[in-house]
N, C-alpha and C. Protein backbone atom coordinates (compact mmCIF):
# COMPACT_ATOMS: atom_id res chain seq x y z
N MET A 1 130.92 83.45 99.07
CA MET A 1 132.37 83.38 99.08
C MET A 1 132.93 84.80 99.01
N SER A 2 133.78 85.12 99.94
CA SER A 2 134.39 86.45 100.00
C SER A 2 135.51 86.54 98.97
N PRO A 3 135.72 87.74 98.42
CA PRO A 3 136.81 87.92 97.45
C PRO A 3 138.17 87.79 98.15
N THR A 4 139.13 87.28 97.40
CA THR A 4 140.48 87.10 97.94
C THR A 4 141.49 87.86 97.10
N PHE A 5 142.62 88.18 97.72
CA PHE A 5 143.74 88.80 97.01
C PHE A 5 145.01 88.41 97.76
N SER A 6 146.15 88.69 97.17
CA SER A 6 147.43 88.25 97.74
C SER A 6 148.10 89.37 98.52
N CYS A 7 148.78 88.97 99.59
CA CYS A 7 149.59 89.92 100.37
C CYS A 7 150.82 90.27 99.54
N PRO A 8 151.11 91.56 99.35
CA PRO A 8 152.30 91.93 98.55
C PRO A 8 153.62 91.61 99.26
N ASN A 9 153.59 91.39 100.56
CA ASN A 9 154.81 91.11 101.31
C ASN A 9 155.20 89.64 101.27
N CYS A 10 154.22 88.75 101.58
CA CYS A 10 154.56 87.33 101.67
C CYS A 10 153.84 86.47 100.62
N GLY A 11 152.88 87.03 99.91
CA GLY A 11 152.15 86.28 98.89
C GLY A 11 151.02 85.44 99.45
N GLY A 12 150.74 85.57 100.76
CA GLY A 12 149.66 84.80 101.38
C GLY A 12 148.29 85.27 100.86
N THR A 13 147.36 84.34 100.86
CA THR A 13 146.01 84.65 100.38
C THR A 13 145.23 85.33 101.50
N LEU A 14 144.69 86.51 101.18
CA LEU A 14 143.89 87.28 102.13
C LEU A 14 142.44 87.27 101.68
N GLU A 15 141.55 87.10 102.62
CA GLU A 15 140.12 87.07 102.32
C GLU A 15 139.49 88.35 102.83
N TYR A 16 138.82 89.06 101.94
CA TYR A 16 138.18 90.33 102.32
C TYR A 16 136.71 90.08 102.60
N THR A 17 136.29 90.31 103.86
CA THR A 17 134.91 90.05 104.26
C THR A 17 134.07 91.31 104.35
N GLY A 18 134.68 92.46 104.12
CA GLY A 18 133.94 93.72 104.18
C GLY A 18 134.06 94.40 105.51
N GLN A 19 134.74 93.79 106.47
CA GLN A 19 134.86 94.39 107.80
C GLN A 19 135.65 95.69 107.78
N ALA A 20 136.63 95.79 106.94
CA ALA A 20 137.45 97.00 106.92
C ALA A 20 136.64 98.19 106.42
N ALA A 21 135.81 97.99 105.43
CA ALA A 21 135.04 99.09 104.87
C ALA A 21 134.00 99.59 105.85
N GLN A 22 133.51 98.73 106.74
CA GLN A 22 132.51 99.14 107.71
C GLN A 22 133.10 100.11 108.72
N THR A 23 134.37 99.98 109.03
CA THR A 23 134.99 100.88 109.99
C THR A 23 135.58 102.10 109.31
N GLY A 24 135.52 102.17 108.00
CA GLY A 24 136.04 103.30 107.26
C GLY A 24 137.52 103.15 106.90
N VAL A 25 138.14 102.04 107.31
CA VAL A 25 139.55 101.80 107.02
C VAL A 25 139.63 100.68 105.98
N GLN A 26 140.26 100.95 104.85
CA GLN A 26 140.33 99.95 103.79
C GLN A 26 141.66 99.21 103.83
N THR A 27 142.07 98.78 105.01
CA THR A 27 143.26 97.95 105.16
C THR A 27 142.92 96.78 106.07
N ILE A 28 143.62 95.67 105.84
CA ILE A 28 143.48 94.52 106.74
C ILE A 28 144.87 93.99 107.05
N SER A 29 144.96 93.25 108.13
CA SER A 29 146.24 92.69 108.55
C SER A 29 146.39 91.28 107.95
N CYS A 30 147.56 91.03 107.41
CA CYS A 30 147.85 89.71 106.84
C CYS A 30 147.97 88.71 107.98
N GLY A 31 147.26 87.61 107.86
CA GLY A 31 147.31 86.57 108.89
C GLY A 31 148.59 85.76 108.89
N TYR A 32 149.40 85.90 107.83
CA TYR A 32 150.63 85.12 107.73
C TYR A 32 151.86 85.89 108.21
N CYS A 33 152.00 87.15 107.75
CA CYS A 33 153.19 87.92 108.11
C CYS A 33 152.88 89.12 108.99
N GLY A 34 151.60 89.44 109.18
CA GLY A 34 151.22 90.56 110.03
C GLY A 34 151.29 91.91 109.34
N ASN A 35 151.65 91.92 108.05
CA ASN A 35 151.75 93.15 107.30
C ASN A 35 150.36 93.79 107.15
N LEU A 36 150.29 95.12 107.26
CA LEU A 36 149.06 95.85 107.04
C LEU A 36 148.91 96.07 105.54
N VAL A 37 147.84 95.50 104.95
CA VAL A 37 147.68 95.48 103.49
C VAL A 37 146.48 96.32 103.11
N ALA A 38 146.66 97.18 102.11
CA ALA A 38 145.55 97.98 101.60
C ALA A 38 144.64 97.10 100.76
N VAL A 39 143.34 97.19 101.01
CA VAL A 39 142.36 96.42 100.24
C VAL A 39 142.20 97.10 98.88
N PRO A 40 142.29 96.36 97.78
CA PRO A 40 142.09 96.96 96.46
C PRO A 40 140.71 97.62 96.35
N ASN A 41 140.68 98.77 95.71
CA ASN A 41 139.43 99.53 95.57
C ASN A 41 138.31 98.73 94.95
N GLU A 42 138.63 97.89 93.98
CA GLU A 42 137.58 97.12 93.30
C GLU A 42 136.90 96.12 94.23
N LEU A 43 137.53 95.80 95.37
CA LEU A 43 136.92 94.88 96.32
C LEU A 43 136.01 95.60 97.32
N TRP A 44 136.41 96.77 97.82
CA TRP A 44 135.59 97.42 98.84
C TRP A 44 134.57 98.38 98.26
N GLN A 45 134.75 98.83 97.05
CA GLN A 45 133.79 99.78 96.47
C GLN A 45 132.40 99.18 96.29
N PRO A 46 132.27 97.92 95.82
CA PRO A 46 130.92 97.35 95.70
C PRO A 46 130.21 97.23 97.04
N ILE A 47 130.94 97.00 98.12
CA ILE A 47 130.32 96.91 99.44
C ILE A 47 129.79 98.27 99.85
N GLU A 48 130.56 99.33 99.59
CA GLU A 48 130.09 100.68 99.90
C GLU A 48 128.86 101.02 99.06
N ASP A 49 128.85 100.62 97.79
CA ASP A 49 127.70 100.86 96.93
C ASP A 49 126.47 100.12 97.44
N ALA A 50 126.67 98.90 97.93
CA ALA A 50 125.55 98.13 98.48
C ALA A 50 125.00 98.79 99.73
N LYS A 51 125.88 99.35 100.56
CA LYS A 51 125.42 100.06 101.76
C LYS A 51 124.61 101.28 101.38
N THR A 52 125.07 102.01 100.37
CA THR A 52 124.34 103.19 99.92
C THR A 52 122.97 102.79 99.39
N ALA A 53 122.91 101.71 98.62
CA ALA A 53 121.63 101.23 98.10
C ALA A 53 120.71 100.81 99.23
N GLN A 54 121.26 100.18 100.25
CA GLN A 54 120.45 99.75 101.40
C GLN A 54 119.90 100.97 102.13
N THR A 55 120.72 102.01 102.29
CA THR A 55 120.26 103.23 102.95
C THR A 55 119.15 103.89 102.14
N VAL A 56 119.30 103.92 100.82
CA VAL A 56 118.26 104.50 99.96
C VAL A 56 116.97 103.69 100.09
N ASN A 57 117.09 102.36 100.13
CA ASN A 57 115.90 101.51 100.29
C ASN A 57 115.21 101.78 101.62
N GLN A 58 115.99 101.98 102.69
CA GLN A 58 115.40 102.27 103.99
C GLN A 58 114.63 103.59 103.94
N TRP A 59 115.24 104.61 103.36
CA TRP A 59 114.57 105.92 103.28
C TRP A 59 113.35 105.85 102.38
N THR A 60 113.38 105.02 101.36
CA THR A 60 112.20 104.85 100.50
C THR A 60 111.07 104.23 101.30
N LYS A 61 111.38 103.25 102.14
CA LYS A 61 110.35 102.64 103.00
C LYS A 61 109.78 103.67 103.96
N TYR A 62 110.66 104.48 104.59
CA TYR A 62 110.20 105.49 105.53
C TYR A 62 109.32 106.53 104.83
N LEU A 63 109.71 106.91 103.63
CA LEU A 63 108.91 107.88 102.87
C LEU A 63 107.54 107.31 102.53
N LEU A 64 107.50 106.06 102.14
CA LEU A 64 106.23 105.41 101.82
C LEU A 64 105.34 105.34 103.05
N ILE A 65 105.90 104.97 104.19
CA ILE A 65 105.12 104.92 105.43
C ILE A 65 104.62 106.31 105.79
N PHE A 66 105.46 107.33 105.64
CA PHE A 66 105.06 108.71 105.92
C PHE A 66 103.89 109.13 105.04
N ILE A 67 103.98 108.84 103.75
CA ILE A 67 102.90 109.21 102.82
C ILE A 67 101.61 108.50 103.20
N ILE A 68 101.70 107.23 103.55
CA ILE A 68 100.49 106.49 103.93
C ILE A 68 99.88 107.07 105.19
N VAL A 69 100.71 107.32 106.20
CA VAL A 69 100.18 107.81 107.48
C VAL A 69 99.64 109.23 107.36
N VAL A 70 100.34 110.09 106.63
CA VAL A 70 99.95 111.49 106.58
C VAL A 70 98.85 111.77 105.55
N PHE A 71 98.85 111.06 104.44
CA PHE A 71 97.90 111.39 103.38
C PHE A 71 96.81 110.33 103.17
N VAL A 72 97.19 109.08 103.08
CA VAL A 72 96.23 108.04 102.71
C VAL A 72 95.25 107.75 103.83
N VAL A 73 95.75 107.53 105.05
CA VAL A 73 94.87 107.17 106.16
C VAL A 73 93.84 108.28 106.44
N PRO A 74 94.26 109.56 106.57
CA PRO A 74 93.24 110.60 106.80
C PRO A 74 92.24 110.71 105.66
N THR A 75 92.70 110.51 104.43
CA THR A 75 91.78 110.58 103.30
C THR A 75 90.75 109.46 103.39
N CYS A 76 91.21 108.26 103.70
CA CYS A 76 90.27 107.14 103.84
C CYS A 76 89.29 107.38 104.98
N LEU A 77 89.80 107.89 106.09
CA LEU A 77 88.92 108.18 107.22
C LEU A 77 87.91 109.27 106.85
N GLY A 78 88.35 110.25 106.09
CA GLY A 78 87.44 111.30 105.64
C GLY A 78 86.36 110.77 104.73
N VAL A 79 86.74 109.90 103.81
CA VAL A 79 85.75 109.29 102.90
C VAL A 79 84.77 108.44 103.68
N ILE A 80 85.27 107.66 104.62
CA ILE A 80 84.38 106.81 105.43
C ILE A 80 83.45 107.69 106.25
N GLY A 81 84.00 108.76 106.83
CA GLY A 81 83.17 109.69 107.59
C GLY A 81 82.10 110.34 106.74
N ALA A 82 82.48 110.73 105.52
CA ALA A 82 81.51 111.34 104.62
C ALA A 82 80.41 110.34 104.26
N LEU A 83 80.79 109.11 103.99
CA LEU A 83 79.78 108.10 103.66
C LEU A 83 78.86 107.83 104.85
N LEU A 84 79.43 107.79 106.04
CA LEU A 84 78.60 107.61 107.22
C LEU A 84 77.69 108.81 107.43
N GLY A 85 78.20 109.99 107.16
CA GLY A 85 77.38 111.19 107.28
C GLY A 85 76.24 111.19 106.29
N ILE A 86 76.54 110.82 105.06
CA ILE A 86 75.48 110.73 104.04
C ILE A 86 74.48 109.66 104.43
N GLY A 87 75.00 108.51 104.86
CA GLY A 87 74.10 107.42 105.28
C GLY A 87 73.27 107.82 106.48
N GLY A 88 73.89 108.55 107.41
CA GLY A 88 73.16 109.01 108.59
C GLY A 88 72.05 109.97 108.24
N SER A 89 72.34 110.88 107.31
CA SER A 89 71.30 111.84 106.93
C SER A 89 70.19 111.15 106.13
N ILE A 90 70.51 110.16 105.35
CA ILE A 90 69.47 109.41 104.63
C ILE A 90 68.60 108.66 105.62
N ILE A 91 69.22 108.02 106.59
CA ILE A 91 68.46 107.29 107.60
C ILE A 91 67.61 108.26 108.42
N ALA A 92 68.18 109.42 108.77
CA ALA A 92 67.41 110.41 109.52
C ALA A 92 66.21 110.89 108.71
N GLY A 93 66.38 111.06 107.42
CA GLY A 93 65.27 111.46 106.56
C GLY A 93 64.19 110.40 106.50
N ILE A 94 64.59 109.16 106.38
CA ILE A 94 63.62 108.05 106.33
C ILE A 94 62.87 107.96 107.66
N VAL A 95 63.59 108.08 108.75
CA VAL A 95 62.95 108.03 110.07
C VAL A 95 61.99 109.22 110.21
N GLY A 96 62.40 110.38 109.74
CA GLY A 96 61.53 111.56 109.81
C GLY A 96 60.26 111.37 109.01
N ILE A 97 60.39 110.83 107.82
CA ILE A 97 59.20 110.58 106.99
C ILE A 97 58.31 109.54 107.66
N PHE A 98 58.92 108.49 108.19
CA PHE A 98 58.13 107.43 108.84
C PHE A 98 57.39 107.97 110.06
N THR A 99 58.08 108.77 110.88
CA THR A 99 57.41 109.31 112.07
C THR A 99 56.32 110.30 111.71
N SER A 100 56.47 111.02 110.61
CA SER A 100 55.41 111.94 110.22
C SER A 100 54.22 111.18 109.62
N LEU A 101 54.44 109.98 109.13
CA LEU A 101 53.35 109.18 108.58
C LEU A 101 52.66 108.32 109.62
N LEU A 102 53.27 108.15 110.79
CA LEU A 102 52.69 107.32 111.84
C LEU A 102 51.26 107.72 112.22
N PRO A 103 50.97 109.00 112.40
CA PRO A 103 49.61 109.34 112.78
C PRO A 103 48.58 108.95 111.71
N PHE A 104 49.00 108.99 110.46
CA PHE A 104 48.07 108.64 109.38
C PHE A 104 47.90 107.13 109.25
N LEU A 105 48.95 106.38 109.63
CA LEU A 105 48.88 104.93 109.51
C LEU A 105 48.07 104.30 110.63
N PHE A 106 48.10 104.89 111.80
CA PHE A 106 47.41 104.31 112.96
C PHE A 106 46.29 105.22 113.44
N LYS A 107 45.28 105.49 112.62
CA LYS A 107 44.14 106.30 112.99
C LYS A 107 43.14 105.52 113.77
């Protein structure tokens, strides 16, 4: 439910949907008398605060994605590469020992 307030000219009930604050103009036209009415600050300020909070949340998401892409993914790839390198050298050592023992095993 959108907040409502009265037109100071005719007393008609005006419903504030937040459209005025999105365009930067805090006035709306009265549907009854056509008078241009200023939206009370207490009605449009929470909408502006919500927009600011939404923008902060978006930037927080972008920052988190940036940190993951720039720091976490390369670190994980480096650790995986190191483990594969260690595993590869262990396997190479085992194969080397096995091949050096082959002549003794099959005399």
